Amino acid sequence: MSAIENPVINRIINSELVVQYFGYWPNFHDATLERMNFEIHSFESTITFLIETAEFVNELDEKGHYKQFKPCSIELQFQNVKDTFLTFDHVPVLFSVDFEEVGDAIGCSFSSSAGSHTIVAKQVTVFGLTSTKQ
């Protein structure tokens, strides 16, 4: 899904880093959530995710896996978290990551192999995108 198709993506600070890398905003299918950090500052909490993702082409490699296109790590931070529902007991494989307006905040829904998860935060920032092995 591109930033134009979902206007909420345009509210994500530095979303253009992801859009420039892929040419659109990805759905994060088959991405893995590699790290979560929780921080509390005064009256505000922050959750930061490190997501390993890529786009896959409909072609198999020598091991029978779909070939990856543009693999990378994306650090996504949710600031001033208002609500969360997160349950992980292993490294989840993401099926999709969806964003929506929730009043004046941004809601994010993760569908994964570990279940469904949600975060509502006042602000979301792409802290970085690092290209990984091809």
C-alpha atoms as a PDB file:
ATOM      1  CA  MET A   1       0.000   0.000   0.000  1.00  0.00           C
ATOM      2  CA  SER A   2       1.428   3.389  -0.887  1.00  0.00           C
ATOM      3  CA  ALA A   3       1.435   6.518   1.238  1.00  0.00           C
ATOM      4  CA  ILE A   4      -1.172   8.000  -1.118  1.00  0.00           C
ATOM      5  CA  GLU A   5      -3.562   5.048  -0.676  1.00  0.00           C
ATOM      6  CA  ASN A   6      -3.533   5.410   3.120  1.00  0.00           C
ATOM      7  CA  PRO A   7      -3.299   9.079   4.199  1.00  0.00           C
ATOM      8  CA  VAL A   8      -2.395   8.049   7.779  1.00  0.00           C
ATOM      9  CA  ILE A   9       1.035   6.967   6.481  1.00  0.00           C
ATOM     10  CA  ASN A  10       1.715  10.632   5.689  1.00  0.00           C
ATOM     11  CA  ARG A  11       1.362  11.387   9.432  1.00  0.00           C
ATOM     12  CA  ILE A  12       4.244   9.027  10.236  1.00  0.00           C
ATOM     13  CA  ILE A  13       7.375  11.138  10.648  1.00  0.00           C
ATOM     14  CA  ASN A  14      10.069  10.104   8.134  1.00  0.00           C
ATOM     15  CA  SER A  15       7.680   7.718   6.336  1.00  0.00           C
ATOM     16  CA  GLU A  16       9.299   8.959   3.125  1.00  0.00           C
ATOM     17  CA  LEU A  17      12.420   6.901   4.021  1.00  0.00           C
ATOM     18  CA  VAL A  18      10.396   3.712   3.598  1.00  0.00           C
ATOM     19  CA  VAL A  19       8.452   4.970   0.570  1.00  0.00           C
ATOM     20  CA  GLN A  20      11.679   6.041  -1.176  1.00  0.00           C
ATOM     21  CA  TYR A  21      13.336   2.678  -0.474  1.00  0.00           C
ATOM     22  CA  PHE A  22      10.483   0.461  -1.709  1.00  0.00           C
ATOM     23  CA  GLY A  23       8.691   2.927  -3.993  1.00  0.00           C
ATOM     24  CA  TYR A  24       5.572   2.558  -1.810  1.00  0.00           C
ATOM     25  CA  TRP A  25       4.620   1.785   1.798  1.00  0.00           C
ATOM     26  CA  PRO A  26       4.868  -2.031   2.238  1.00  0.00           C
ATOM     27  CA  ASN A  27       2.330  -4.230   4.039  1.00  0.00           C
ATOM     28  CA  PHE A  28       5.136  -5.983   6.015  1.00  0.00           C
ATOM     29  CA  HIS A  29       3.911  -9.477   5.065  1.00  0.00           C
ATOM     30  CA  ASP A  30       6.430 -12.106   6.271  1.00  0.00           C
ATOM     31  CA  ALA A  31       8.425  -9.485   8.191  1.00  0.00           C
ATOM     32  CA  THR A  32       9.763 -10.420  11.625  1.00  0.00           C
ATOM     33  CA  LEU A  33       9.674  -8.363  14.785  1.00  0.00           C
ATOM     34  CA  GLU A  34      13.277  -8.602  15.989  1.00  0.00           C
ATOM     35  CA  ARG A  35      13.283  -6.223  18.960  1.00  0.00           C
ATOM     36  CA  MET A  36      10.902  -4.251  21.192  1.00  0.00           C
ATOM     37  CA  ASN A  37      11.960  -1.536  23.629  1.00  0.00           C
ATOM     38  CA  PHE A  38       9.618   0.039  26.166  1.00  0.00           C
ATOM     39  CA  GLU A  39      10.511   3.379  27.761  1.00  0.00           C
ATOM     40  CA  ILE A  40       8.693   5.643  30.194  1.00  0.00           C
ATOM     41  CA  HIS A  41       9.534   9.364  30.344  1.00  0.00           C
ATOM     42  CA  SER A  42       7.592  11.375  32.943  1.00  0.00           C
ATOM     43  CA  PHE A  43       3.970  10.970  31.851  1.00  0.00           C
ATOM     44  CA  GLU A  44       4.702   9.549  28.425  1.00  0.00           C
ATOM     45  CA  SER A  45       5.606   6.063  27.218  1.00  0.00           C
ATOM     46  CA  THR A  46       7.416   5.018  24.063  1.00  0.00           C
ATOM     47  CA  ILE A  47       7.599   1.669  22.277  1.00  0.00           C
ATOM     48  CA  THR A  48      10.241   1.066  19.607  1.00  0.00           C
ATOM     49  CA  PHE A  49      10.182  -1.901  17.218  1.00  0.00           C
ATOM     50  CA  LEU A  50      12.933  -3.206  14.980  1.00  0.00           C
ATOM     51  CA  ILE A  51      11.268  -4.901  12.022  1.00  0.00           C
ATOM     52  CA  GLU A  52      13.182  -7.046   9.520  1.00  0.00           C
ATOM     53  CA  THR A  53      11.341  -6.943   6.225  1.00  0.00           C
ATOM     54  CA  ALA A  54      11.673  -7.329   2.471  1.00  0.00           C
ATOM     55  CA  GLU A  55       9.474  -7.664  -0.527  1.00  0.00           C
ATOM     56  CA  PHE A  56       9.330 -11.112  -2.064  1.00  0.00           C
ATOM     57  CA  VAL A  57       9.203 -12.015  -5.745  1.00  0.00           C
ATOM     58  CA  ASN A  58       7.245 -14.988  -7.045  1.00  0.00           C
ATOM     59  CA  GLU A  59      10.431 -16.945  -7.752  1.00  0.00           C
ATOM     60  CA  LEU A  60      12.153 -19.598  -5.632  1.00  0.00           C
ATOM     61  CA  ASP A  61      15.838 -19.701  -4.700  1.00  0.00           C
ATOM     62  CA  GLU A  62      17.959 -22.883  -4.578  1.00  0.00           C
ATOM     63  CA  LYS A  63      16.581 -23.687  -1.077  1.00  0.00           C
ATOM     64  CA  GLY A  64      12.958 -23.391  -2.204  1.00  0.00           C
ATOM     65  CA  HIS A  65      12.357 -20.037  -0.469  1.00  0.00           C
ATOM     66  CA  TYR A  66      10.841 -17.053  -2.224  1.00  0.00           C
ATOM     67  CA  LYS A  67      13.534 -14.631  -3.359  1.00  0.00           C
ATOM     68  CA  GLN A  68      13.774 -11.406  -1.388  1.00  0.00           C
ATOM     69  CA  PHE A  69      13.821  -7.977  -2.934  1.00  0.00           C
ATOM     70  CA  LYS A  70      15.245  -5.013  -0.979  1.00  0.00           C
ATOM     71  CA  PRO A  71      15.652  -6.607   2.486  1.00  0.00           C
ATOM     72  CA  CYS A  72      16.040  -4.073   5.290  1.00  0.00           C
ATOM     73  CA  SER A  73      15.602  -3.283   8.978  1.00  0.00           C
ATOM     74  CA  ILE A  74      13.122  -0.572   9.908  1.00  0.00           C
ATOM     75  CA  GLU A  75      13.106   1.042  13.347  1.00  0.00           C
ATOM     76  CA  LEU A  76       9.590   2.271  14.093  1.00  0.00           C
ATOM     77  CA  GLN A  77       8.877   4.261  17.256  1.00  0.00           C
ATOM     78  CA  PHE A  78       5.480   4.947  18.830  1.00  0.00           C
ATOM     79  CA  GLN A  79       5.607   8.018  21.094  1.00  0.00           C
ATOM     80  CA  ASN A  80       3.124   9.067  23.752  1.00  0.00           C
ATOM     81  CA  VAL A  81       1.436   5.659  23.727  1.00  0.00           C
ATOM     82  CA  LYS A  82      -2.217   5.864  24.750  1.00  0.00           C
ATOM     83  CA  ASP A  83      -3.230   2.199  24.532  1.00  0.00           C
ATOM     84  CA  THR A  84      -1.604  -1.156  23.779  1.00  0.00           C
ATOM     85  CA  PHE A  85      -2.460  -4.796  23.447  1.00  0.00           C
ATOM     86  CA  LEU A  86       0.710  -6.804  22.865  1.00  0.00           C
ATOM     87  CA  THR A  87       1.239 -10.511  23.495  1.00  0.00           C
ATOM     88  CA  PHE A  88       4.384 -12.226  22.237  1.00  0.00           C
ATOM     89  CA  ASP A  89       5.889 -15.517  23.357  1.00  0.00           C
ATOM     90  CA  HIS A  90       8.260 -15.957  20.410  1.00  0.00           C
ATOM     91  CA  VAL A  91       9.628 -13.946  17.480  1.00  0.00           C
ATOM     92  CA  PRO A  92       6.448 -13.348  15.502  1.00  0.00           C
ATOM     93  CA  VAL A  93       6.184 -13.413  11.736  1.00  0.00           C
ATOM     94  CA  LEU A  94       4.015 -10.493  10.682  1.00  0.00           C
ATOM     95  CA  PHE A  95       1.132 -10.996   8.283  1.00  0.00           C
ATOM     96  CA  SER A  96       0.342  -7.293   7.978  1.00  0.00           C
ATOM     97  CA  VAL A  97       0.794  -3.939   9.695  1.00  0.00           C
ATOM     98  CA  ASP A  98      -2.090  -1.486   9.283  1.00  0.00           C
ATOM     99  CA  PHE A  99      -2.417   2.150  10.347  1.00  0.00           C
ATOM    100  CA  GLU A 100      -5.579   4.183  10.959  1.00  0.00           C
ATOM    101  CA  GLU A 101      -6.726   7.452  12.515  1.00  0.00           C
ATOM    102  CA  VAL A 102      -7.944   7.075  16.106  1.00  0.00           C
ATOM    103  CA  GLY A 103      -9.151  10.541  17.062  1.00  0.00           C
ATOM    104  CA  ASP A 104      -6.044  12.723  17.039  1.00  0.00           C
ATOM    105  CA  ALA A 105      -3.779   9.666  17.435  1.00  0.00           C
ATOM    106  CA  ILE A 106      -2.518   6.924  15.134  1.00  0.00           C
ATOM    107  CA  GLY A 107      -3.654   3.345  15.623  1.00  0.00           C
ATOM    108  CA  CYS A 108      -1.460   0.478  14.467  1.00  0.00           C
ATOM    109  CA  SER A 109      -2.666  -3.120  14.167  1.00  0.00           C
ATOM    110  CA  PHE A 110      -0.207  -5.986  13.793  1.00  0.00           C
ATOM    111  CA  SER A 111      -1.521  -9.318  12.588  1.00  0.00           C
ATOM    112  CA  SER A 112       1.083 -12.014  13.264  1.00  0.00           C
ATOM    113  CA  SER A 113       1.839 -15.659  13.963  1.00  0.00           C
ATOM    114  CA  ALA A 114       1.595 -14.744  17.676  1.00  0.00           C
ATOM    115  CA  GLY A 115      -1.894 -13.225  17.339  1.00  0.00           C
ATOM    116  CA  SER A 116      -3.205  -9.712  16.891  1.00  0.00           C
ATOM    117  CA  HIS A 117      -1.629  -6.679  18.537  1.00  0.00           C
ATOM    118  CA  THR A 118      -2.547  -2.988  18.655  1.00  0.00           C
ATOM    119  CA  ILE A 119      -0.913   0.271  19.644  1.00  0.00           C
ATOM    120  CA  VAL A 120      -2.473   3.726  19.758  1.00  0.00           C
ATOM    121  CA  ALA A 121       0.030   6.590  19.968  1.00  0.00           C
ATOM    122  CA  LYS A 122       0.039  10.347  19.453  1.00  0.00           C
ATOM    123  CA  GLN A 123       3.048  10.143  17.155  1.00  0.00           C
ATOM    124  CA  VAL A 124       4.815   7.487  15.075  1.00  0.00           C
ATOM    125  CA  THR A 125       8.329   7.941  13.676  1.00  0.00           C
ATOM    126  CA  VAL A 126      10.499   5.918  11.311  1.00  0.00           C
ATOM    127  CA  PHE A 127      13.796   6.254  13.216  1.00  0.00           C
ATOM    128  CA  GLY A 128      15.805   4.537  10.544  1.00  0.00           C
ATOM    129  CA  LEU A 129      15.940   2.144   7.629  1.00  0.00           C
ATOM    130  CA  THR A 130      19.045   0.037   7.027  1.00  0.00           C
ATOM    131  CA  SER A 131      19.476  -2.072   3.919  1.00  0.00           C
ATOM    132  CA  THR A 132      20.520  -5.626   4.839  1.00  0.00           C
ATOM    133  CA  LYS A 133      22.047  -8.493   2.840  1.00  0.00           C
ATOM    134  CA  GLN A 134      20.578  -9.142  -0.584  1.00  0.00           C
END
